[in-house]
Amino acid sequence: MVIFFRKKDLEVELSPGLQRLKLKTGDNLLASALDHGIKWPYLCRVGSCGTCRCKLIKGKISPEIDFENVLNQAQLKDGYILACKSSVKTDLVVEVTLRNET
């Protein structure tokens, strides 16, 4: 027997600025934001530099790596995650400072 699961439609709200993205369960946060034209800061995309970090205000993600290797204890306690290594599980509200280049 083969069971297929339909990915659920989710919404990610970027704060400040109130931009909203439509994603699917399991989508990578950074890749999806970039696909939507969001100017999210990043360098490595592999979870080693910390440039894509953002603060998870509400919702749940599935971390693809141990964030402790990049983020310090204060950042982890404050709810920071690495967008490049975060799969979306629920609707999210994240706080991120976007790049301002054109």
PDB file of N, CA and C in Angstrom:
ATOM      1  N   MET A   1       0.842  -1.173   0.000  1.00  0.00           N
ATOM      2  CA  MET A   1       0.000   0.000   0.000  1.00  0.00           C
ATOM      3  C   MET A   1       0.892   1.242   0.000  1.00  0.00           C
ATOM      4  N   VAL A   2       0.571   2.186  -0.835  1.00  0.00           N
ATOM      5  CA  VAL A   2       1.286   3.449  -0.914  1.00  0.00           C
ATOM      6  C   VAL A   2       0.349   4.548  -0.441  1.00  0.00           C
ATOM      7  N   ILE A   3       0.839   5.355   0.480  1.00  0.00           N
ATOM      8  CA  ILE A   3       0.046   6.465   1.007  1.00  0.00           C
ATOM      9  C   ILE A   3       0.713   7.765   0.578  1.00  0.00           C
ATOM     10  N   PHE A   4      -0.065   8.656   0.022  1.00  0.00           N
ATOM     11  CA  PHE A   4       0.443   9.955  -0.389  1.00  0.00           C
ATOM     12  C   PHE A   4      -0.072  11.020   0.573  1.00  0.00           C
ATOM     13  N   PHE A   5       0.819  11.906   0.968  1.00  0.00           N
ATOM     14  CA  PHE A   5       0.442  13.014   1.830  1.00  0.00           C
ATOM     15  C   PHE A   5       0.539  14.302   1.029  1.00  0.00           C
ATOM     16  N   ARG A   6      -0.498  15.067   1.057  1.00  0.00           N
ATOM     17  CA  ARG A   6      -0.511  16.363   0.387  1.00  0.00           C
ATOM     18  C   ARG A   6       0.132  17.383   1.309  1.00  0.00           C
ATOM     19  N   LYS A   7       1.065  18.148   0.757  1.00  0.00           N
ATOM     20  CA  LYS A   7       1.698  19.186   1.556  1.00  0.00           C
ATOM     21  C   LYS A   7       0.680  20.278   1.863  1.00  0.00           C
ATOM     22  N   LYS A   8       0.647  20.692   3.110  1.00  0.00           N
ATOM     23  CA  LYS A   8      -0.299  21.708   3.563  1.00  0.00           C
ATOM     24  C   LYS A   8       0.189  23.102   3.163  1.00  0.00           C
ATOM     25  N   ASP A   9      -0.746  23.959   2.756  1.00  0.00           N
ATOM     26  CA  ASP A   9      -0.423  25.352   2.473  1.00  0.00           C
ATOM     27  C   ASP A   9      -0.182  26.080   3.785  1.00  0.00           C
ATOM     28  N   LEU A  10       0.925  26.813   3.850  1.00  0.00           N
ATOM     29  CA  LEU A  10       1.286  27.557   5.058  1.00  0.00           C
ATOM     30  C   LEU A  10       1.578  29.001   4.699  1.00  0.00           C
ATOM     31  N   GLU A  11       1.577  29.851   5.718  1.00  0.00           N
ATOM     32  CA  GLU A  11       1.899  31.258   5.528  1.00  0.00           C
ATOM     33  C   GLU A  11       3.042  31.638   6.454  1.00  0.00           C
ATOM     34  N   VAL A  12       4.005  32.359   5.900  1.00  0.00           N
ATOM     35  CA  VAL A  12       5.119  32.876   6.683  1.00  0.00           C
ATOM     36  C   VAL A  12       5.039  34.391   6.641  1.00  0.00           C
ATOM     37  N   GLU A  13       4.987  34.997   7.815  1.00  0.00           N
ATOM     38  CA  GLU A  13       4.956  36.456   7.924  1.00  0.00           C
ATOM     39  C   GLU A  13       6.336  36.930   8.334  1.00  0.00           C
ATOM     40  N   LEU A  14       6.890  37.865   7.559  1.00  0.00           N
ATOM     41  CA  LEU A  14       8.187  38.439   7.872  1.00  0.00           C
ATOM     42  C   LEU A  14       7.973  39.754   8.592  1.00  0.00           C
ATOM     43  N   SER A  15       8.588  39.877   9.736  1.00  0.00           N
ATOM     44  CA  SER A  15       8.439  41.070  10.557  1.00  0.00           C
ATOM     45  C   SER A  15       9.824  41.674  10.749  1.00  0.00           C
ATOM     46  N   PRO A  16      10.034  42.962  10.766  1.00  0.00           N
ATOM     47  CA  PRO A  16       9.043  43.998  10.515  1.00  0.00           C
ATOM     48  C   PRO A  16       8.779  44.128   9.016  1.00  0.00           C
ATOM     49  N   GLY A  17       7.707  44.757   8.673  1.00  0.00           N
ATOM     50  CA  GLY A  17       7.380  44.984   7.278  1.00  0.00           C
ATOM     51  C   GLY A  17       6.135  44.273   6.811  1.00  0.00           C
ATOM     52  N   LEU A  18       5.729  43.264   7.564  1.00  0.00           N
ATOM     53  CA  LEU A  18       4.495  42.545   7.283  1.00  0.00           C
ATOM     54  C   LEU A  18       4.417  41.949   5.882  1.00  0.00           C
ATOM     55  N   GLN A  19       5.544  41.512   5.337  1.00  0.00           N
ATOM     56  CA  GLN A  19       5.506  40.755   4.086  1.00  0.00           C
ATOM     57  C   GLN A  19       5.049  39.344   4.408  1.00  0.00           C
ATOM     58  N   ARG A  20       4.288  38.750   3.506  1.00  0.00           N
ATOM     59  CA  ARG A  20       3.776  37.392   3.725  1.00  0.00           C
ATOM     60  C   ARG A  20       4.132  36.509   2.538  1.00  0.00           C
ATOM     61  N   LEU A  21       4.505  35.278   2.849  1.00  0.00           N
ATOM     62  CA  LEU A  21       4.844  34.288   1.829  1.00  0.00           C
ATOM     63  C   LEU A  21       3.922  33.095   1.958  1.00  0.00           C
ATOM     64  N   LYS A  22       3.582  32.503   0.848  1.00  0.00           N
ATOM     65  CA  LYS A  22       2.816  31.255   0.842  1.00  0.00           C
ATOM     66  C   LYS A  22       3.794  30.119   0.582  1.00  0.00           C
ATOM     67  N   LEU A  23       3.888  29.183   1.520  1.00  0.00           N
ATOM     68  CA  LEU A  23       4.787  28.041   1.407  1.00  0.00           C
ATOM     69  C   LEU A  23       4.019  26.756   1.632  1.00  0.00           C
ATOM     70  N   LYS A  24       4.718  25.649   1.473  1.00  0.00           N
ATOM     71  CA  LYS A  24       4.166  24.320   1.734  1.00  0.00           C
ATOM     72  C   LYS A  24       4.924  23.697   2.901  1.00  0.00           C
ATOM     73  N   THR A  25       4.267  22.796   3.606  1.00  0.00           N
ATOM     74  CA  THR A  25       4.914  22.049   4.674  1.00  0.00           C
ATOM     75  C   THR A  25       6.189  21.413   4.132  1.00  0.00           C
ATOM     76  N   GLY A  26       7.286  21.586   4.853  1.00  0.00           N
ATOM     77  CA  GLY A  26       8.557  20.990   4.458  1.00  0.00           C
ATOM     78  C   GLY A  26       9.435  21.872   3.597  1.00  0.00           C
ATOM     79  N   ASP A  27       8.897  23.000   3.115  1.00  0.00           N
ATOM     80  CA  ASP A  27       9.710  23.907   2.309  1.00  0.00           C
ATOM     81  C   ASP A  27      10.834  24.495   3.151  1.00  0.00           C
ATOM     82  N   ASN A  28      11.981  24.722   2.522  1.00  0.00           N
ATOM     83  CA  ASN A  28      13.105  25.372   3.184  1.00  0.00           C
ATOM     84  C   ASN A  28      12.816  26.869   3.261  1.00  0.00           C
ATOM     85  N   LEU A  29      12.983  27.444   4.443  1.00  0.00           N
ATOM     86  CA  LEU A  29      12.629  28.845   4.676  1.00  0.00           C
ATOM     87  C   LEU A  29      13.436  29.796   3.797  1.00  0.00           C
ATOM     88  N   LEU A  30      14.754  29.669   3.786  1.00  0.00           N
ATOM     89  CA  LEU A  30      15.582  30.587   3.002  1.00  0.00           C
ATOM     90  C   LEU A  30      15.345  30.414   1.502  1.00  0.00           C
ATOM     91  N   ALA A  31      15.395  29.194   1.014  1.00  0.00           N
ATOM     92  CA  ALA A  31      15.215  28.949  -0.422  1.00  0.00           C
ATOM     93  C   ALA A  31      13.868  29.481  -0.902  1.00  0.00           C
ATOM     94  N   SER A  32      12.833  29.275  -0.122  1.00  0.00           N
ATOM     95  CA  SER A  32      11.499  29.745  -0.501  1.00  0.00           C
ATOM     96  C   SER A  32      11.426  31.265  -0.507  1.00  0.00           C
ATOM     97  N   ALA A  33      12.031  31.895   0.493  1.00  0.00           N
ATOM     98  CA  ALA A  33      12.042  33.358   0.541  1.00  0.00           C
ATOM     99  C   ALA A  33      12.768  33.922  -0.679  1.00  0.00           C
ATOM    100  N   LEU A  34      13.910  33.348  -1.009  1.00  0.00           N
ATOM    101  CA  LEU A  34      14.656  33.812  -2.179  1.00  0.00           C
ATOM    102  C   LEU A  34      13.859  33.586  -3.461  1.00  0.00           C
ATOM    103  N   ASP A  35      13.172  32.455  -3.557  1.00  0.00           N
ATOM    104  CA  ASP A  35      12.326  32.170  -4.725  1.00  0.00           C
ATOM    105  C   ASP A  35      11.202  33.193  -4.877  1.00  0.00           C
ATOM    106  N   HIS A  36      10.758  33.768  -3.750  1.00  0.00           N
ATOM    107  CA  HIS A  36       9.702  34.788  -3.766  1.00  0.00           C
ATOM    108  C   HIS A  36      10.266  36.202  -3.962  1.00  0.00           C
ATOM    109  N   GLY A  37      11.582  36.312  -4.190  1.00  0.00           N
ATOM    110  CA  GLY A  37      12.194  37.615  -4.417  1.00  0.00           C
ATOM    111  C   GLY A  37      12.519  38.389  -3.154  1.00  0.00           C
ATOM    112  N   ILE A  38      12.452  37.734  -2.010  1.00  0.00           N
ATOM    113  CA  ILE A  38      12.770  38.385  -0.739  1.00  0.00           C
ATOM    114  C   ILE A  38      14.284  38.526  -0.628  1.00  0.00           C
ATOM    115  N   LYS A  39      14.762  39.687  -0.229  1.00  0.00           N
ATOM    116  CA  LYS A  39      16.198  39.954  -0.121  1.00  0.00           C
ATOM    117  C   LYS A  39      16.731  39.538   1.246  1.00  0.00           C
ATOM    118  N   TRP A  40      16.673  38.244   1.491  1.00  0.00           N
ATOM    119  CA  TRP A  40      17.113  37.660   2.760  1.00  0.00           C
ATOM    120  C   TRP A  40      18.639  37.617   2.761  1.00  0.00           C
ATOM    121  N   PRO A  41      19.282  38.024   3.849  1.00  0.00           N
ATOM    122  CA  PRO A  41      20.747  37.940   3.893  1.00  0.00           C
ATOM    123  C   PRO A  41      21.215  36.490   4.004  1.00  0.00           C
ATOM    124  N   TYR A  42      22.238  36.147   3.233  1.00  0.00           N
ATOM    125  CA  TYR A  42      22.812  34.801   3.304  1.00  0.00           C
ATOM    126  C   TYR A  42      24.192  34.817   2.655  1.00  0.00           C
ATOM    127  N   LEU A  43      24.999  33.834   2.972  1.00  0.00           N
ATOM    128  CA  LEU A  43      26.289  33.632   2.317  1.00  0.00           C
ATOM    129  C   LEU A  43      26.467  32.182   1.904  1.00  0.00           C
ATOM    130  N   CYS A  44      26.492  31.273   2.886  1.00  0.00           N
ATOM    131  CA  CYS A  44      26.905  29.894   2.609  1.00  0.00           C
ATOM    132  C   CYS A  44      25.781  28.955   2.189  1.00  0.00           C
ATOM    133  N   ARG A  45      24.597  29.135   2.704  1.00  0.00           N
ATOM    134  CA  ARG A  45      23.424  28.275   2.460  1.00  0.00           C
ATOM    135  C   ARG A  45      23.590  26.843   2.966  1.00  0.00           C
ATOM    136  N   VAL A  46      24.615  26.596   3.784  1.00  0.00           N
ATOM    137  CA  VAL A  46      24.835  25.243   4.316  1.00  0.00           C
ATOM    138  C   VAL A  46      24.840  25.206   5.842  1.00  0.00           C
ATOM    139  N   GLY A  47      24.510  26.320   6.487  1.00  0.00           N
ATOM    140  CA  GLY A  47      24.405  26.332   7.940  1.00  0.00           C
ATOM    141  C   GLY A  47      25.704  26.522   8.683  1.00  0.00           C
ATOM    142  N   SER A  48      26.690  27.151   8.048  1.00  0.00           N
ATOM    143  CA  SER A  48      27.964  27.317   8.740  1.00  0.00           C
ATOM    144  C   SER A  48      28.335  28.762   9.053  1.00  0.00           C
ATOM    145  N   CYS A  49      27.685  29.741   8.411  1.00  0.00           N
ATOM    146  CA  CYS A  49      28.104  31.133   8.619  1.00  0.00           C
ATOM    147  C   CYS A  49      27.194  31.924   9.560  1.00  0.00           C
ATOM    148  N   GLY A  50      25.924  31.602   9.621  1.00  0.00           N
ATOM    149  CA  GLY A  50      24.989  32.310  10.492  1.00  0.00           C
ATOM    150  C   GLY A  50      24.394  33.577   9.901  1.00  0.00           C
ATOM    151  N   THR A  51      24.749  33.921   8.681  1.00  0.00           N
ATOM    152  CA  THR A  51      24.260  35.154   8.066  1.00  0.00           C
ATOM    153  C   THR A  51      22.744  35.161   7.882  1.00  0.00           C
ATOM    154  N   CYS A  52      22.149  34.009   7.663  1.00  0.00           N
ATOM    155  CA  CYS A  52      20.704  33.924   7.402  1.00  0.00           C
ATOM    156  C   CYS A  52      19.868  33.809   8.674  1.00  0.00           C
ATOM    157  N   ARG A  53      20.490  33.996   9.830  1.00  0.00           N
ATOM    158  CA  ARG A  53      19.743  33.805  11.081  1.00  0.00           C
ATOM    159  C   ARG A  53      18.573  34.779  11.167  1.00  0.00           C
ATOM    160  N   CYS A  54      17.530  34.299  11.789  1.00  0.00           N
ATOM    161  CA  CYS A  54      16.337  35.101  12.013  1.00  0.00           C
ATOM    162  C   CYS A  54      15.722  34.644  13.330  1.00  0.00           C
ATOM    163  N   LYS A  55      14.843  35.455  13.860  1.00  0.00           N
ATOM    164  CA  LYS A  55      14.201  35.138  15.135  1.00  0.00           C
ATOM    165  C   LYS A  55      12.821  34.548  14.866  1.00  0.00           C
ATOM    166  N   LEU A  56      12.616  33.344  15.362  1.00  0.00           N
ATOM    167  CA  LEU A  56      11.322  32.681  15.231  1.00  0.00           C
ATOM    168  C   LEU A  56      10.403  33.212  16.325  1.00  0.00           C
ATOM    169  N   ILE A  57       9.403  33.981  15.938  1.00  0.00           N
ATOM    170  CA  ILE A  57       8.472  34.596  16.881  1.00  0.00           C
ATOM    171  C   ILE A  57       7.320  33.646  17.189  1.00  0.00           C
ATOM    172  N   LYS A  58       6.837  32.967  16.156  1.00  0.00           N
ATOM    173  CA  LYS A  58       5.677  32.090  16.314  1.00  0.00           C
ATOM    174  C   LYS A  58       5.751  30.984  15.274  1.00  0.00           C
ATOM    175  N   GLY A  59       5.341  29.787  15.669  1.00  0.00           N
ATOM    176  CA  GLY A  59       5.294  28.668  14.746  1.00  0.00           C
ATOM    177  C   GLY A  59       6.382  27.647  15.010  1.00  0.00           C
ATOM    178  N   LYS A  60       6.440  26.645  14.127  1.00  0.00           N
ATOM    179  CA  LYS A  60       7.398  25.553  14.298  1.00  0.00           C
ATOM    180  C   LYS A  60       8.122  25.262  12.993  1.00  0.00           C
ATOM    181  N   ILE A  61       9.416  24.984  13.158  1.00  0.00           N
ATOM    182  CA  ILE A  61      10.243  24.557  12.034  1.00  0.00           C
ATOM    183  C   ILE A  61      10.864  23.215  12.392  1.00  0.00           C
ATOM    184  N   SER A  62      11.409  22.565  11.401  1.00  0.00           N
ATOM    185  CA  SER A  62      12.178  21.353  11.624  1.00  0.00           C
ATOM    186  C   SER A  62      13.624  21.684  11.269  1.00  0.00           C
ATOM    187  N   PRO A  63      14.517  21.756  12.273  1.00  0.00           N
ATOM    188  CA  PRO A  63      15.913  22.084  11.969  1.00  0.00           C
ATOM    189  C   PRO A  63      16.592  20.930  11.236  1.00  0.00           C
ATOM    190  N   GLU A  64      17.353  21.256  10.200  1.00  0.00           N
ATOM    191  CA  GLU A  64      18.056  20.248   9.421  1.00  0.00           C
ATOM    192  C   GLU A  64      19.446  19.963   9.979  1.00  0.00           C
ATOM    193  N   ILE A  65      19.931  20.843  10.862  1.00  0.00           N
ATOM    194  CA  ILE A  65      21.210  20.655  11.547  1.00  0.00           C
ATOM    195  C   ILE A  65      21.048  21.128  12.985  1.00  0.00           C
ATOM    196  N   ASP A  66      22.075  20.908  13.785  1.00  0.00           N
ATOM    197  CA  ASP A  66      22.100  21.409  15.156  1.00  0.00           C
ATOM    198  C   ASP A  66      22.562  22.863  15.119  1.00  0.00           C
ATOM    199  N   PHE A  67      21.671  23.787  15.424  1.00  0.00           N
ATOM    200  CA  PHE A  67      21.999  25.211  15.365  1.00  0.00           C
ATOM    201  C   PHE A  67      23.067  25.615  16.375  1.00  0.00           C
ATOM    202  N   GLU A  68      23.314  24.798  17.399  1.00  0.00           N
ATOM    203  CA  GLU A  68      24.314  25.120  18.420  1.00  0.00           C
ATOM    204  C   GLU A  68      25.716  25.222  17.840  1.00  0.00           C
ATOM    205  N   ASN A  69      25.941  24.650  16.667  1.00  0.00           N
ATOM    206  CA  ASN A  69      27.262  24.722  16.046  1.00  0.00           C
ATOM    207  C   ASN A  69      27.555  26.102  15.477  1.00  0.00           C
ATOM    208  N   VAL A  70      26.519  26.924  15.300  1.00  0.00           N
ATOM    209  CA  VAL A  70      26.687  28.236  14.684  1.00  0.00           C
ATOM    210  C   VAL A  70      26.196  29.366  15.594  1.00  0.00           C
ATOM    211  N   LEU A  71      25.074  29.164  16.248  1.00  0.00           N
ATOM    212  CA  LEU A  71      24.487  30.196  17.104  1.00  0.00           C
ATOM    213  C   LEU A  71      24.932  30.005  18.546  1.00  0.00           C
ATOM    214  N   ASN A  72      25.098  31.122  19.261  1.00  0.00           N
ATOM    215  CA  ASN A  72      25.493  31.015  20.670  1.00  0.00           C
ATOM    216  C   ASN A  72      24.260  30.760  21.547  1.00  0.00           C
ATOM    217  N   GLN A  73      24.502  30.468  22.805  1.00  0.00           N
ATOM    218  CA  GLN A  73      23.414  30.110  23.723  1.00  0.00           C
ATOM    219  C   GLN A  73      22.394  31.235  23.883  1.00  0.00           C
ATOM    220  N   ALA A  74      22.850  32.480  23.916  1.00  0.00           N
ATOM    221  CA  ALA A  74      21.922  33.610  24.046  1.00  0.00           C
ATOM    222  C   ALA A  74      21.006  33.698  22.823  1.00  0.00           C
ATOM    223  N   GLN A  75      21.566  33.501  21.634  1.00  0.00           N
ATOM    224  CA  GLN A  75      20.757  33.537  20.413  1.00  0.00           C
ATOM    225  C   GLN A  75      19.735  32.402  20.397  1.00  0.00           C
ATOM    226  N   LEU A  76      20.170  31.218  20.782  1.00  0.00           N
ATOM    227  CA  LEU A  76      19.254  30.073  20.826  1.00  0.00           C
ATOM    228  C   LEU A  76      18.125  30.312  21.817  1.00  0.00           C
ATOM    229  N   LYS A  77      18.479  30.842  22.987  1.00  0.00           N
ATOM    230  CA  LYS A  77      17.476  31.120  24.020  1.00  0.00           C
ATOM    231  C   LYS A  77      16.464  32.165  23.540  1.00  0.00           C
ATOM    232  N   ASP A  78      16.938  33.122  22.743  1.00  0.00           N
ATOM    233  CA  ASP A  78      16.068  34.183  22.223  1.00  0.00           C
ATOM    234  C   ASP A  78      15.234  33.732  21.024  1.00  0.00           C
ATOM    235  N   GLY A  79      15.428  32.493  20.568  1.00  0.00           N
ATOM    236  CA  GLY A  79      14.600  31.957  19.496  1.00  0.00           C
ATOM    237  C   GLY A  79      15.168  32.074  18.095  1.00  0.00           C
ATOM    238  N   TYR A  80      16.464  32.342  17.990  1.00  0.00           N
ATOM    239  CA  TYR A  80      17.058  32.466  16.662  1.00  0.00           C
ATOM    240  C   TYR A  80      17.230  31.104  16.002  1.00  0.00           C
ATOM    241  N   ILE A  81      17.046  31.088  14.686  1.00  0.00           N
ATOM    242  CA  ILE A  81      17.202  29.879  13.873  1.00  0.00           C
ATOM    243  C   ILE A  81      18.014  30.242  12.632  1.00  0.00           C
ATOM    244  N   LEU A  82      18.465  29.238  11.913  1.00  0.00           N
ATOM    245  CA  LEU A  82      19.130  29.442  10.629  1.00  0.00           C
ATOM    246  C   LEU A  82      18.117  29.139   9.527  1.00  0.00           C
ATOM    247  N   ALA A  83      17.778  30.151   8.747  1.00  0.00           N
ATOM    248  CA  ALA A  83      16.764  29.978   7.702  1.00  0.00           C
ATOM    249  C   ALA A  83      17.195  28.968   6.646  1.00  0.00           C
ATOM    250  N   CYS A  84      18.502  28.879   6.380  1.00  0.00           N
ATOM    251  CA  CYS A  84      18.974  27.966   5.330  1.00  0.00           C
ATOM    252  C   CYS A  84      18.830  26.505   5.720  1.00  0.00           C
ATOM    253  N   LYS A  85      18.669  26.235   6.992  1.00  0.00           N
ATOM    254  CA  LYS A  85      18.558  24.858   7.476  1.00  0.00           C
ATOM    255  C   LYS A  85      17.291  24.669   8.303  1.00  0.00           C
ATOM    256  N   SER A  86      16.213  25.344   7.884  1.00  0.00           N
ATOM    257  CA  SER A  86      14.926  25.248   8.570  1.00  0.00           C
ATOM    258  C   SER A  86      13.832  24.862   7.587  1.00  0.00           C
ATOM    259  N   SER A  87      13.181  23.739   7.850  1.00  0.00           N
ATOM    260  CA  SER A  87      12.022  23.317   7.069  1.00  0.00           C
ATOM    261  C   SER A  87      10.764  23.770   7.805  1.00  0.00           C
ATOM    262  N   VAL A  88       9.861  24.377   7.085  1.00  0.00           N
ATOM    263  CA  VAL A  88       8.646  24.938   7.671  1.00  0.00           C
ATOM    264  C   VAL A  88       7.668  23.814   8.033  1.00  0.00           C
ATOM    265  N   LYS A  89       7.184  23.832   9.290  1.00  0.00           N
ATOM    266  CA  LYS A  89       6.205  22.829   9.738  1.00  0.00           C
ATOM    267  C   LYS A  89       4.812  23.415   9.934  1.00  0.00           C
ATOM    268  N   THR A  90       4.743  24.691  10.348  1.00  0.00           N
ATOM    269  CA  THR A  90       3.467  25.357  10.610  1.00  0.00           C
ATOM    270  C   THR A  90       3.543  26.783  10.063  1.00  0.00           C
ATOM    271  N   ASP A  91       2.435  27.510  10.148  1.00  0.00           N
ATOM    272  CA  ASP A  91       2.491  28.940   9.854  1.00  0.00           C
ATOM    273  C   ASP A  91       3.548  29.554  10.765  1.00  0.00           C
ATOM    274  N   LEU A  92       4.278  30.546  10.240  1.00  0.00           N
ATOM    275  CA  LEU A  92       5.364  31.162  11.005  1.00  0.00           C
ATOM    276  C   LEU A  92       5.244  32.674  11.023  1.00  0.00           C
ATOM    277  N   VAL A  93       5.804  33.254  12.078  1.00  0.00           N
ATOM    278  CA  VAL A  93       6.130  34.670  12.114  1.00  0.00           C
ATOM    279  C   VAL A  93       7.611  34.719  12.454  1.00  0.00           C
ATOM    280  N   VAL A  94       8.409  35.330  11.577  1.00  0.00           N
ATOM    281  CA  VAL A  94       9.843  35.445  11.818  1.00  0.00           C
ATOM    282  C   VAL A  94      10.259  36.902  11.710  1.00  0.00           C
ATOM    283  N   GLU A  95      11.232  37.257  12.515  1.00  0.00           N
ATOM    284  CA  GLU A  95      11.789  38.609  12.492  1.00  0.00           C
ATOM    285  C   GLU A  95      13.140  38.532  11.802  1.00  0.00           C
ATOM    286  N   VAL A  96      13.296  39.297  10.737  1.00  0.00           N
ATOM    287  CA  VAL A  96      14.541  39.278   9.970  1.00  0.00           C
ATOM    288  C   VAL A  96      14.810  40.678   9.430  1.00  0.00           C
ATOM    289  N   THR A  97      16.088  41.048   9.391  1.00  0.00           N
ATOM    290  CA  THR A  97      16.493  42.300   8.769  1.00  0.00           C
ATOM    291  C   THR A  97      16.920  41.970   7.349  1.00  0.00           C
ATOM    292  N   LEU A  98      16.142  42.414   6.388  1.00  0.00           N
ATOM    293  CA  LEU A  98      16.403  42.097   4.988  1.00  0.00           C
ATOM    294  C   LEU A  98      17.487  42.993   4.415  1.00  0.00           C
ATOM    295  N   ARG A  99      18.135  42.508   3.353  1.00  0.00           N
ATOM    296  CA  ARG A  99      19.130  43.326   2.650  1.00  0.00           C
ATOM    297  C   ARG A  99      18.391  44.475   1.985  1.00  0.00           C
ATOM    298  N   ASN A 100      19.024  45.631   1.930  1.00  0.00           N
ATOM    299  CA  ASN A 100      18.352  46.789   1.333  1.00  0.00           C
ATOM    300  C   ASN A 100      18.899  47.139  -0.040  1.00  0.00           C
ATOM    301  N   GLU A 101      19.697  46.260  -0.635  1.00  0.00           N
ATOM    302  CA  GLU A 101      20.233  46.538  -1.967  1.00  0.00           C
ATOM    303  C   GLU A 101      19.142  46.374  -3.014  1.00  0.00           C
ATOM    304  N   THR A 102      19.316  47.030  -4.128  1.00  0.00           N
ATOM    305  CA  THR A 102      18.328  46.950  -5.204  1.00  0.00           C
ATOM    306  C   THR A 102      18.776  46.035  -6.304  1.00  0.00           C
TER     307      THR A 102
END
